[in-house]
């Protein structure tokens, strides 16, 4: 998936799940669209996205 974080090694990215939630889809709707996902997968994706937003990338200075 181009290096994007995926859920449990499936071909569903965290961005897909977060985007669906942001567009107003419910957990039930997402599970209907992706029946191989579990409720815990949705929460794991949201947890990862929240953690990633708070992460700070510090550039390395090469001397």
Protein backbone atom coordinates (compact mmCIF):
# COMPACT_ATOMS: atom_id res chain seq x y z
CA UNK A 1 0.00 0.00 0.00
CA UNK A 2 2.87 2.32 -0.76
CA UNK A 3 4.26 2.36 2.78
CA UNK A 4 1.03 3.63 4.30
CA UNK A 5 0.07 2.15 7.67
CA UNK A 6 -2.43 -0.68 7.24
CA UNK A 7 -4.77 -2.42 9.61
CA UNK A 8 -3.56 -5.87 10.70
CA UNK A 9 -1.66 -6.33 7.46
CA UNK A 10 -4.88 -6.09 5.44
CA UNK A 11 -5.13 -3.88 2.38
CA UNK A 12 -7.08 -1.23 4.27
CA UNK A 13 -5.13 1.84 5.30
CA UNK A 14 -5.54 3.82 8.47
CA UNK A 15 -6.20 6.82 6.23
CA UNK A 16 -9.14 5.05 4.60
CA UNK A 17 -10.79 4.36 7.95
CA UNK A 18 -10.08 7.83 9.34
CA UNK A 19 -11.35 9.41 6.14
CA UNK A 20 -14.57 7.43 6.28
CA UNK A 21 -15.12 8.44 9.90
CA UNK A 22 -14.36 12.07 9.06
CA UNK A 23 -16.92 12.01 6.25
CA UNK A 24 -19.61 10.92 8.67
CA UNK A 25 -19.69 7.15 8.18
CA UNK A 26 -20.57 5.15 11.25
CA UNK A 27 -18.59 2.20 12.53
CA UNK A 28 -21.43 -0.06 11.43
CA UNK A 29 -21.29 1.34 7.88
CA UNK A 30 -17.54 0.83 7.71
CA UNK A 31 -17.88 -2.75 8.94
CA UNK A 32 -20.52 -3.41 6.28
CA UNK A 33 -18.22 -2.04 3.57
CA UNK A 34 -15.21 -3.95 4.93
CA UNK A 35 -16.65 -7.09 6.58
CA UNK A 36 -13.19 -8.48 7.40
CA UNK A 37 -12.57 -5.58 9.79
CA UNK A 38 -13.52 -5.65 13.45
CA UNK A 39 -14.65 -2.86 15.76
CA UNK A 40 -11.27 -3.03 17.48
CA UNK A 41 -9.60 -2.34 14.11
CA UNK A 42 -11.53 0.91 13.74
CA UNK A 43 -10.51 2.07 17.20
CA UNK A 44 -6.91 1.01 16.59
CA UNK A 45 -6.82 3.09 13.41
CA UNK A 46 -8.21 6.14 15.22
CA UNK A 47 -5.77 5.65 18.09
CA UNK A 48 -2.84 5.39 15.68
CA UNK A 49 -3.94 8.50 13.78
CA UNK A 50 -4.25 10.50 17.00
CA UNK A 51 -0.80 9.36 18.13
CA UNK A 52 0.73 10.14 14.73
CA UNK A 53 -0.65 13.68 14.74
CA UNK A 54 1.06 14.36 18.07
CA UNK A 55 4.39 12.89 16.99
CA UNK A 56 7.07 15.46 16.27
CA UNK A 57 9.58 14.86 13.50
CA UNK A 58 12.95 16.39 14.18
CA UNK A 59 15.26 16.81 11.20
CA UNK A 60 18.70 15.32 11.59
CA UNK A 61 21.62 17.67 11.09
CA UNK A 62 24.41 15.99 9.21
CA UNK A 63 27.76 17.64 9.77
